[in-house]
Amino acid sequence: MVIRKMERDDIAACADILCTVYNNEMWQCRWTDRTATECLTDFFEGKKFVGYVLEDGS
């Protein structure tokens, strides 16, 4: 496993994860790929944002 700083190319994969995690009975969210991508892009473009991703490698 590798933890590294998030890059713009990671946004789509992170949006997929966001949708998978929150679109369920417990959270009752209705994220779409588009809204999740837009939200994460807004965070990513924030002046002080620092994000990290974990790459499993499998």
PDB file of N, CA and C in Angstrom:
ATOM      1  N   MET A   1       0.837  -1.184   0.000  1.00  0.00           N
ATOM      2  CA  MET A   1       0.000   0.000   0.000  1.00  0.00           C
ATOM      3  C   MET A   1       0.874   1.237   0.000  1.00  0.00           C
ATOM      4  N   VAL A   2       0.375   2.253  -0.689  1.00  0.00           N
ATOM      5  CA  VAL A   2       1.086   3.527  -0.777  1.00  0.00           C
ATOM      6  C   VAL A   2       0.099   4.647  -0.453  1.00  0.00           C
ATOM      7  N   ILE A   3       0.484   5.561   0.417  1.00  0.00           N
ATOM      8  CA  ILE A   3      -0.293   6.769   0.669  1.00  0.00           C
ATOM      9  C   ILE A   3       0.456   7.907   0.001  1.00  0.00           C
ATOM     10  N   ARG A   4      -0.268   8.665  -0.811  1.00  0.00           N
ATOM     11  CA  ARG A   4       0.363   9.766  -1.530  1.00  0.00           C
ATOM     12  C   ARG A   4      -0.592  10.951  -1.598  1.00  0.00           C
ATOM     13  N   LYS A   5      -0.045  12.096  -1.956  1.00  0.00           N
ATOM     14  CA  LYS A   5      -0.841  13.306  -2.081  1.00  0.00           C
ATOM     15  C   LYS A   5      -1.810  13.161  -3.262  1.00  0.00           C
ATOM     16  N   MET A   6      -3.021  13.627  -3.071  1.00  0.00           N
ATOM     17  CA  MET A   6      -4.049  13.546  -4.102  1.00  0.00           C
ATOM     18  C   MET A   6      -3.703  14.444  -5.284  1.00  0.00           C
ATOM     19  N   GLU A   7      -3.983  13.928  -6.484  1.00  0.00           N
ATOM     20  CA  GLU A   7      -3.793  14.687  -7.711  1.00  0.00           C
ATOM     21  C   GLU A   7      -5.147  14.856  -8.400  1.00  0.00           C
ATOM     22  N   ARG A   8      -5.237  15.809  -9.307  1.00  0.00           N
ATOM     23  CA  ARG A   8      -6.494  16.079 -10.016  1.00  0.00           C
ATOM     24  C   ARG A   8      -7.034  14.802 -10.687  1.00  0.00           C
ATOM     25  N   ASP A   9      -6.160  13.968 -11.204  1.00  0.00           N
ATOM     26  CA  ASP A   9      -6.584  12.726 -11.870  1.00  0.00           C
ATOM     27  C   ASP A   9      -7.255  11.744 -10.919  1.00  0.00           C
ATOM     28  N   ASP A  10      -7.139  11.942  -9.621  1.00  0.00           N
ATOM     29  CA  ASP A  10      -7.746  11.051  -8.628  1.00  0.00           C
ATOM     30  C   ASP A  10      -9.203  11.391  -8.341  1.00  0.00           C
ATOM     31  N   ILE A  11      -9.660  12.552  -8.788  1.00  0.00           N
ATOM     32  CA  ILE A  11     -11.001  13.013  -8.420  1.00  0.00           C
ATOM     33  C   ILE A  11     -12.087  12.033  -8.859  1.00  0.00           C
ATOM     34  N   ALA A  12     -12.022  11.517 -10.060  1.00  0.00           N
ATOM     35  CA  ALA A  12     -13.073  10.603 -10.551  1.00  0.00           C
ATOM     36  C   ALA A  12     -13.166   9.339  -9.691  1.00  0.00           C
ATOM     37  N   ALA A  13     -12.023   8.757  -9.355  1.00  0.00           N
ATOM     38  CA  ALA A  13     -12.033   7.543  -8.522  1.00  0.00           C
ATOM     39  C   ALA A  13     -12.549   7.860  -7.117  1.00  0.00           C
ATOM     40  N   CYS A  14     -12.163   9.011  -6.590  1.00  0.00           N
ATOM     41  CA  CYS A  14     -12.637   9.410  -5.262  1.00  0.00           C
ATOM     42  C   CYS A  14     -14.140   9.692  -5.286  1.00  0.00           C
ATOM     43  N   ALA A  15     -14.642  10.251  -6.384  1.00  0.00           N
ATOM     44  CA  ALA A  15     -16.082  10.489  -6.520  1.00  0.00           C
ATOM     45  C   ALA A  15     -16.842   9.164  -6.537  1.00  0.00           C
ATOM     46  N   ASP A  16     -16.299   8.165  -7.203  1.00  0.00           N
ATOM     47  CA  ASP A  16     -16.922   6.832  -7.202  1.00  0.00           C
ATOM     48  C   ASP A  16     -16.997   6.268  -5.787  1.00  0.00           C
ATOM     49  N   ILE A  17     -15.926   6.440  -5.042  1.00  0.00           N
ATOM     50  CA  ILE A  17     -15.902   5.954  -3.655  1.00  0.00           C
ATOM     51  C   ILE A  17     -16.930   6.699  -2.816  1.00  0.00           C
ATOM     52  N   LEU A  18     -16.996   8.023  -2.983  1.00  0.00           N
ATOM     53  CA  LEU A  18     -17.960   8.828  -2.235  1.00  0.00           C
ATOM     54  C   LEU A  18     -19.380   8.323  -2.490  1.00  0.00           C
ATOM     55  N   CYS A  19     -19.717   8.083  -3.748  1.00  0.00           N
ATOM     56  CA  CYS A  19     -21.049   7.587  -4.088  1.00  0.00           C
ATOM     57  C   CYS A  19     -21.305   6.212  -3.473  1.00  0.00           C
ATOM     58  N   THR A  20     -20.333   5.340  -3.549  1.00  0.00           N
ATOM     59  CA  THR A  20     -20.479   3.993  -3.007  1.00  0.00           C
ATOM     60  C   THR A  20     -20.699   4.012  -1.494  1.00  0.00           C
ATOM     61  N   VAL A  21     -19.982   4.867  -0.810  1.00  0.00           N
ATOM     62  CA  VAL A  21     -20.052   4.914   0.656  1.00  0.00           C
ATOM     63  C   VAL A  21     -21.336   5.568   1.152  1.00  0.00           C
ATOM     64  N   TYR A  22     -21.740   6.685   0.550  1.00  0.00           N
ATOM     65  CA  TYR A  22     -22.849   7.465   1.103  1.00  0.00           C
ATOM     66  C   TYR A  22     -24.213   7.188   0.502  1.00  0.00           C
ATOM     67  N   ASN A  23     -24.286   6.556  -0.655  1.00  0.00           N
ATOM     68  CA  ASN A  23     -25.595   6.256  -1.247  1.00  0.00           C
ATOM     69  C   ASN A  23     -26.105   4.920  -0.728  1.00  0.00           C
ATOM     70  N   ASN A  24     -26.565   4.934   0.502  1.00  0.00           N
ATOM     71  CA  ASN A  24     -27.094   3.722   1.114  1.00  0.00           C
ATOM     72  C   ASN A  24     -28.188   4.093   2.123  1.00  0.00           C
ATOM     73  N   GLU A  25     -28.783   3.100   2.741  1.00  0.00           N
ATOM     74  CA  GLU A  25     -29.866   3.354   3.695  1.00  0.00           C
ATOM     75  C   GLU A  25     -29.412   4.128   4.913  1.00  0.00           C
ATOM     76  N   MET A  26     -28.221   3.854   5.388  1.00  0.00           N
ATOM     77  CA  MET A  26     -27.748   4.518   6.601  1.00  0.00           C
ATOM     78  C   MET A  26     -27.598   6.031   6.407  1.00  0.00           C
ATOM     79  N   TRP A  27     -26.969   6.443   5.312  1.00  0.00           N
ATOM     80  CA  TRP A  27     -26.717   7.864   5.064  1.00  0.00           C
ATOM     81  C   TRP A  27     -27.854   8.515   4.286  1.00  0.00           C
ATOM     82  N   GLN A  28     -28.562   7.740   3.495  1.00  0.00           N
ATOM     83  CA  GLN A  28     -29.684   8.207   2.688  1.00  0.00           C
ATOM     84  C   GLN A  28     -29.319   9.411   1.812  1.00  0.00           C
ATOM     85  N   CYS A  29     -28.143   9.380   1.227  1.00  0.00           N
ATOM     86  CA  CYS A  29     -27.694  10.430   0.311  1.00  0.00           C
ATOM     87  C   CYS A  29     -28.031  10.034  -1.120  1.00  0.00           C
ATOM     88  N   ARG A  30     -28.033  10.993  -1.989  1.00  0.00           N
ATOM     89  CA  ARG A  30     -28.337  10.754  -3.404  1.00  0.00           C
ATOM     90  C   ARG A  30     -27.257  11.389  -4.283  1.00  0.00           C
ATOM     91  N   TRP A  31     -26.006  11.048  -4.017  1.00  0.00           N
ATOM     92  CA  TRP A  31     -24.905  11.573  -4.821  1.00  0.00           C
ATOM     93  C   TRP A  31     -24.951  10.969  -6.218  1.00  0.00           C
ATOM     94  N   THR A  32     -24.672  11.782  -7.214  1.00  0.00           N
ATOM     95  CA  THR A  32     -24.457  11.279  -8.568  1.00  0.00           C
ATOM     96  C   THR A  32     -22.961  11.435  -8.854  1.00  0.00           C
ATOM     97  N   ASP A  33     -22.491  10.789  -9.906  1.00  0.00           N
ATOM     98  CA  ASP A  33     -21.080  10.971 -10.271  1.00  0.00           C
ATOM     99  C   ASP A  33     -20.774  12.445 -10.498  1.00  0.00           C
ATOM    100  N   ARG A  34     -21.719  13.127 -11.124  1.00  0.00           N
ATOM    101  CA  ARG A  34     -21.501  14.549 -11.429  1.00  0.00           C
ATOM    102  C   ARG A  34     -21.418  15.404 -10.163  1.00  0.00           C
ATOM    103  N   THR A  35     -22.374  15.239  -9.244  1.00  0.00           N
ATOM    104  CA  THR A  35     -22.351  16.072  -8.038  1.00  0.00           C
ATOM    105  C   THR A  35     -21.150  15.738  -7.159  1.00  0.00           C
ATOM    106  N   ALA A  36     -20.790  14.474  -7.075  1.00  0.00           N
ATOM    107  CA  ALA A  36     -19.626  14.086  -6.277  1.00  0.00           C
ATOM    108  C   ALA A  36     -18.348  14.657  -6.882  1.00  0.00           C
ATOM    109  N   THR A  37     -18.233  14.589  -8.205  1.00  0.00           N
ATOM    110  CA  THR A  37     -17.051  15.137  -8.883  1.00  0.00           C
ATOM    111  C   THR A  37     -16.970  16.639  -8.696  1.00  0.00           C
ATOM    112  N   GLU A  38     -18.100  17.324  -8.829  1.00  0.00           N
ATOM    113  CA  GLU A  38     -18.111  18.782  -8.643  1.00  0.00           C
ATOM    114  C   GLU A  38     -17.720  19.169  -7.223  1.00  0.00           C
ATOM    115  N   CYS A  39     -18.254  18.456  -6.249  1.00  0.00           N
ATOM    116  CA  CYS A  39     -17.947  18.743  -4.849  1.00  0.00           C
ATOM    117  C   CYS A  39     -16.459  18.515  -4.560  1.00  0.00           C
ATOM    118  N   LEU A  40     -15.937  17.377  -4.984  1.00  0.00           N
ATOM    119  CA  LEU A  40     -14.529  17.085  -4.746  1.00  0.00           C
ATOM    120  C   LEU A  40     -13.608  18.042  -5.502  1.00  0.00           C
ATOM    121  N   THR A  41     -14.021  18.456  -6.677  1.00  0.00           N
ATOM    122  CA  THR A  41     -13.234  19.429  -7.440  1.00  0.00           C
ATOM    123  C   THR A  41     -13.190  20.761  -6.706  1.00  0.00           C
ATOM    124  N   ASP A  42     -14.320  21.178  -6.137  1.00  0.00           N
ATOM    125  CA  ASP A  42     -14.341  22.413  -5.346  1.00  0.00           C
ATOM    126  C   ASP A  42     -13.357  22.331  -4.178  1.00  0.00           C
ATOM    127  N   PHE A  43     -13.365  21.207  -3.470  1.00  0.00           N
ATOM    128  CA  PHE A  43     -12.406  21.028  -2.373  1.00  0.00           C
ATOM    129  C   PHE A  43     -10.979  21.059  -2.914  1.00  0.00           C
ATOM    130  N   PHE A  44     -10.733  20.298  -3.964  1.00  0.00           N
ATOM    131  CA  PHE A  44      -9.389  20.161  -4.523  1.00  0.00           C
ATOM    132  C   PHE A  44      -8.820  21.516  -4.933  1.00  0.00           C
ATOM    133  N   GLU A  45      -9.650  22.371  -5.482  1.00  0.00           N
ATOM    134  CA  GLU A  45      -9.190  23.672  -5.950  1.00  0.00           C
ATOM    135  C   GLU A  45      -9.082  24.704  -4.837  1.00  0.00           C
ATOM    136  N   GLY A  46      -9.486  24.315  -3.623  1.00  0.00           N
ATOM    137  CA  GLY A  46      -9.368  25.221  -2.480  1.00  0.00           C
ATOM    138  C   GLY A  46      -7.912  25.554  -2.197  1.00  0.00           C
ATOM    139  N   LYS A  47      -7.669  26.784  -1.824  1.00  0.00           N
ATOM    140  CA  LYS A  47      -6.310  27.291  -1.637  1.00  0.00           C
ATOM    141  C   LYS A  47      -5.506  26.472  -0.624  1.00  0.00           C
ATOM    142  N   LYS A  48      -6.143  26.028   0.438  1.00  0.00           N
ATOM    143  CA  LYS A  48      -5.413  25.330   1.504  1.00  0.00           C
ATOM    144  C   LYS A  48      -5.690  23.828   1.558  1.00  0.00           C
ATOM    145  N   PHE A  49      -6.366  23.305   0.541  1.00  0.00           N
ATOM    146  CA  PHE A  49      -6.704  21.876   0.536  1.00  0.00           C
ATOM    147  C   PHE A  49      -5.473  21.006   0.345  1.00  0.00           C
ATOM    148  N   VAL A  50      -5.387  19.971   1.147  1.00  0.00           N
ATOM    149  CA  VAL A  50      -4.391  18.919   0.958  1.00  0.00           C
ATOM    150  C   VAL A  50      -5.143  17.606   1.139  1.00  0.00           C
ATOM    151  N   GLY A  51      -5.138  16.772   0.114  1.00  0.00           N
ATOM    152  CA  GLY A  51      -5.818  15.486   0.183  1.00  0.00           C
ATOM    153  C   GLY A  51      -4.834  14.356  -0.050  1.00  0.00           C
ATOM    154  N   TYR A  52      -5.178  13.203   0.439  1.00  0.00           N
ATOM    155  CA  TYR A  52      -4.331  12.022   0.282  1.00  0.00           C
ATOM    156  C   TYR A  52      -5.168  10.863  -0.232  1.00  0.00           C
ATOM    157  N   VAL A  53      -4.537   9.991  -0.972  1.00  0.00           N
ATOM    158  CA  VAL A  53      -5.178   8.768  -1.432  1.00  0.00           C
ATOM    159  C   VAL A  53      -4.319   7.571  -1.012  1.00  0.00           C
ATOM    160  N   LEU A  54      -4.991   6.459  -0.820  1.00  0.00           N
ATOM    161  CA  LEU A  54      -4.304   5.208  -0.505  1.00  0.00           C
ATOM    162  C   LEU A  54      -4.430   4.316  -1.714  1.00  0.00           C
ATOM    163  N   GLU A  55      -3.303   3.849  -2.219  1.00  0.00           N
ATOM    164  CA  GLU A  55      -3.307   2.917  -3.346  1.00  0.00           C
ATOM    165  C   GLU A  55      -3.004   1.529  -2.790  1.00  0.00           C
ATOM    166  N   ASP A  56      -3.931   0.623  -3.029  1.00  0.00           N
ATOM    167  CA  ASP A  56      -3.817  -0.742  -2.519  1.00  0.00           C
ATOM    168  C   ASP A  56      -2.792  -1.551  -3.312  1.00  0.00           C
ATOM    169  N   GLY A  57      -2.752  -1.358  -4.616  1.00  0.00           N
ATOM    170  CA  GLY A  57      -1.792  -2.062  -5.436  1.00  0.00           C
ATOM    171  C   GLY A  57      -2.226  -3.454  -5.846  1.00  0.00           C
ATOM    172  N   SER A  58      -3.443  -3.865  -5.499  1.00  0.00           N
ATOM    173  CA  SER A  58      -3.882  -5.207  -5.906  1.00  0.00           C
ATOM    174  C   SER A  58      -4.801  -5.158  -7.076  1.00  0.00           C
TER     175      SER A  58
END
